Amino acid sequence: MQEKTKKEVYAWIKSIACALIIAFICRNFLFTPTTVYGESMEPTFQENDRVLISKISDIQRFDIVVFNAPDEDQRHYIKRVIGLPGDTVEMKDDVLYINGTPYEEPYVKRKSDITLKVTSDFTLKELSGKTTVPNGYLFVLGDNRLKSRDSRSFGFISDDSIIGKVKLRFFPLQDVGIPK
């Protein structure tokens, strides 16, 4: 009977060790949860929403990413990718232009007063002396343009600073789903 108990305990230890190794690999190399802080991504995300980010997804224009804050240590920002390497990004009269093409931004928090511009005019030239997003960098903006620190204030973000792409909101429970 004692030999049988030892085998069962050993089997449990092996199972738990395998589960911990798999969890460690998944969390450090595939995906990780994070919390949204601040109001820069309203209405898409609210303060304290919890999201799952993929560390292996390809990043496309208008994806939402989490990255190491370029202007603060030990902090992460969550923003929407607007410009990819080689893109020309411009804002004129509250309309986003990427490579000369105007884009609607239904995700941007706007006031009911349509006369209020939510994004002041800017060009990349004003931000960095360049007209296009350089290779290895992204241009990001928050959805709540009036209350967002983003590429308009700290410039382009390096591909190396990207932690991952937001794939799923899992808290609060009534808002669980894939963000748009």
Protein backbone atom coordinates (compact mmCIF):
# COMPACT_ATOMS: atom_id res chain seq x y z
CA MET A 1 0.00 0.00 0.00
CA GLN A 2 2.83 2.40 0.79
CA GLU A 3 4.44 1.87 -2.63
CA LYS A 4 1.14 2.71 -4.32
CA THR A 5 0.87 5.93 -2.28
CA LYS A 6 4.43 6.94 -3.26
CA LYS A 7 3.64 6.41 -6.93
CA GLU A 8 0.49 8.50 -6.68
CA VAL A 9 2.27 11.33 -4.86
CA TYR A 10 5.04 11.24 -7.47
CA ALA A 11 2.45 11.36 -10.27
CA TRP A 12 0.80 14.40 -8.64
CA ILE A 13 4.16 16.16 -8.24
CA LYS A 14 4.99 15.52 -11.92
CA SER A 15 1.58 16.85 -13.01
CA ILE A 16 1.87 19.99 -10.90
CA ALA A 17 5.44 20.63 -12.08
CA CYS A 18 4.41 20.25 -15.73
CA ALA A 19 1.46 22.62 -15.21
CA LEU A 20 3.73 25.22 -13.58
CA ILE A 21 6.28 24.98 -16.40
CA ILE A 22 3.57 25.36 -19.04
CA ALA A 23 2.06 28.34 -17.18
CA PHE A 24 5.51 29.97 -16.87
CA ILE A 25 6.22 29.53 -20.60
CA CYS A 26 2.79 30.81 -21.63
CA ARG A 27 2.90 33.87 -19.36
CA ASN A 28 6.45 34.89 -20.25
CA PHE A 29 6.52 34.11 -23.97
CA LEU A 30 2.96 33.82 -25.33
CA PHE A 31 0.47 35.96 -23.40
CA THR A 32 0.07 37.90 -20.18
CA PRO A 33 -2.69 39.78 -18.37
CA THR A 34 -2.45 43.48 -17.59
CA THR A 35 -4.60 46.24 -16.10
CA VAL A 36 -5.64 49.46 -17.84
CA TYR A 37 -4.82 52.60 -15.85
CA GLY A 38 -6.03 56.08 -16.72
CA GLU A 39 -8.61 57.42 -19.12
CA SER A 40 -6.56 57.77 -22.29
CA MET A 41 -8.30 54.85 -24.04
CA GLU A 42 -11.92 55.74 -23.18
CA PRO A 43 -14.46 54.73 -24.44
CA THR A 44 -12.70 51.54 -25.61
CA PHE A 45 -11.29 50.77 -22.15
CA GLN A 46 -12.13 52.11 -18.72
CA GLU A 47 -9.90 52.50 -15.67
CA ASN A 48 -9.08 49.08 -14.11
CA ASP A 49 -10.27 47.01 -17.08
CA ARG A 50 -8.22 43.85 -17.31
CA VAL A 51 -6.97 42.65 -20.67
CA LEU A 52 -5.01 39.75 -22.06
CA ILE A 53 -2.15 40.61 -24.40
CA SER A 54 -0.52 38.34 -26.95
CA LYS A 55 3.25 38.57 -27.17
CA ILE A 56 3.46 36.78 -30.51
CA SER A 57 0.83 38.55 -32.65
CA ASP A 58 1.71 40.62 -35.69
CA ILE A 59 0.84 44.27 -35.18
CA GLN A 60 -1.32 45.98 -37.78
CA ARG A 61 -2.66 49.50 -38.12
CA PHE A 62 -5.46 50.27 -35.56
CA ASP A 63 -4.47 47.37 -33.27
CA ILE A 64 -4.30 48.18 -29.57
CA VAL A 65 -0.90 47.55 -28.01
CA VAL A 66 0.72 47.66 -24.58
CA PHE A 67 4.28 49.00 -24.44
CA ASN A 68 6.88 50.23 -21.99
CA ALA A 69 6.30 53.92 -21.36
CA PRO A 70 9.09 55.93 -23.00
CA ASP A 71 8.74 58.77 -20.50
CA GLU A 72 8.32 56.87 -17.19
CA ASP A 73 10.19 53.97 -15.62
CA GLN A 74 8.32 50.84 -14.53
CA ARG A 75 5.11 51.85 -16.31
CA HIS A 76 3.18 50.57 -19.31
CA TYR A 77 0.90 52.43 -21.71
CA ILE A 78 -1.96 51.07 -23.78
CA LYS A 79 -2.61 52.88 -27.09
CA ARG A 80 -3.89 52.33 -30.62
CA VAL A 81 -1.38 51.90 -33.46
CA ILE A 82 -1.99 54.59 -36.05
CA GLY A 83 1.22 54.63 -38.08
CA LEU A 84 3.38 51.69 -39.15
CA PRO A 85 6.94 51.99 -40.47
CA GLY A 86 6.92 53.98 -43.70
CA ASP A 87 3.49 55.57 -43.08
CA THR A 88 2.91 59.31 -43.26
CA VAL A 89 0.52 60.38 -40.53
CA GLU A 90 -1.24 63.72 -40.42
CA MET A 91 -4.24 65.29 -38.65
CA LYS A 92 -6.07 68.15 -40.40
CA ASP A 93 -9.34 69.63 -39.18
CA ASP A 94 -9.89 66.67 -36.82
CA VAL A 95 -9.56 64.13 -39.67
CA LEU A 96 -6.82 61.48 -39.58
CA TYR A 97 -4.84 61.03 -42.79
CA ILE A 98 -2.55 58.06 -43.26
CA ASN A 99 -0.50 58.12 -46.44
CA GLY A 100 -2.84 60.85 -47.72
CA THR A 101 -6.02 58.79 -47.21
CA PRO A 102 -8.62 60.08 -44.71
CA TYR A 103 -9.80 57.63 -42.03
CA GLU A 104 -12.87 57.71 -39.83
CA GLU A 105 -12.16 56.95 -36.21
CA PRO A 106 -15.34 55.58 -34.60
CA TYR A 107 -13.34 54.54 -31.51
CA VAL A 108 -12.34 58.13 -30.63
CA LYS A 109 -14.09 59.70 -27.65
CA ARG A 110 -15.90 62.75 -28.97
CA LYS A 111 -18.07 65.32 -27.24
CA SER A 112 -21.64 65.83 -28.42
CA ASP A 113 -20.62 69.34 -29.51
CA ILE A 114 -19.31 68.63 -32.99
CA THR A 115 -17.52 71.99 -33.13
CA LEU A 116 -14.99 70.83 -30.52
CA LYS A 117 -11.92 69.31 -32.15
CA VAL A 118 -10.65 66.30 -30.22
CA THR A 119 -7.30 66.12 -31.96
CA SER A 120 -5.32 69.22 -32.79
CA ASP A 121 -3.67 69.36 -36.19
CA PHE A 122 -0.25 67.81 -36.27
CA THR A 123 2.23 66.30 -38.69
CA LEU A 124 5.10 64.01 -37.95
CA LYS A 125 7.43 66.73 -39.16
CA GLU A 126 6.43 68.85 -36.15
CA LEU A 127 7.08 65.93 -33.82
CA SER A 128 10.39 64.57 -35.00
CA GLY A 129 11.62 66.37 -38.10
CA LYS A 130 10.47 63.46 -40.31
CA THR A 131 7.40 63.02 -42.44
CA THR A 132 7.20 59.24 -42.16
CA VAL A 133 7.31 56.69 -39.36
CA PRO A 134 10.87 55.29 -39.37
CA ASN A 135 11.62 51.58 -39.64
CA GLY A 136 11.49 49.85 -36.29
CA TYR A 137 9.01 52.36 -34.83
CA LEU A 138 5.26 52.93 -34.49
CA PHE A 139 3.07 56.00 -34.11
CA VAL A 140 0.39 55.52 -31.42
CA LEU A 141 -2.55 57.58 -30.15
CA GLY A 142 -5.02 57.17 -27.31
CA ASP A 143 -8.74 56.99 -28.13
CA ASN A 144 -9.48 59.81 -25.66
CA ARG A 145 -7.37 62.37 -27.51
CA LEU A 146 -8.08 65.19 -25.09
CA LYS A 147 -6.58 63.20 -22.19
CA SER A 148 -3.88 61.04 -23.70
CA ARG A 149 -0.11 61.10 -23.56
CA ASP A 150 0.88 59.46 -26.80
CA SER A 151 3.14 59.88 -29.81
CA ARG A 152 2.10 63.51 -30.06
CA SER A 153 3.99 64.15 -26.82
CA PHE A 154 6.75 61.51 -26.68
CA GLY A 155 7.24 60.73 -30.38
CA PHE A 156 7.54 57.34 -32.04
CA ILE A 157 7.75 54.17 -29.98
CA SER A 158 10.28 51.50 -30.70
CA ASP A 159 9.21 48.00 -31.76
CA ASP A 160 11.45 46.77 -28.93
CA SER A 161 9.27 48.52 -26.33
CA ILE A 162 6.10 46.65 -27.42
CA ILE A 163 4.98 44.08 -24.84
CA GLY A 164 2.08 42.78 -26.89
CA LYS A 165 -1.19 43.24 -28.71
CA VAL A 166 -4.46 43.36 -26.76
CA LYS A 167 -6.54 40.32 -27.67
CA LEU A 168 -9.24 40.08 -25.01
CA ARG A 169 -10.88 42.05 -22.20
CA PHE A 170 -11.69 39.63 -19.37
CA PHE A 171 -12.81 42.06 -16.66
CA PRO A 172 -15.32 43.50 -15.90
CA LEU A 173 -17.35 40.43 -16.69
CA GLN A 174 -20.19 42.34 -18.42
CA ASP A 175 -17.63 43.67 -20.96
CA VAL A 176 -15.76 40.42 -21.68
CA GLY A 177 -14.82 40.16 -25.33
CA ILE A 178 -12.50 41.16 -28.13
CA PRO A 179 -11.94 44.94 -28.15
CA LYS A 180 -12.50 46.89 -31.35
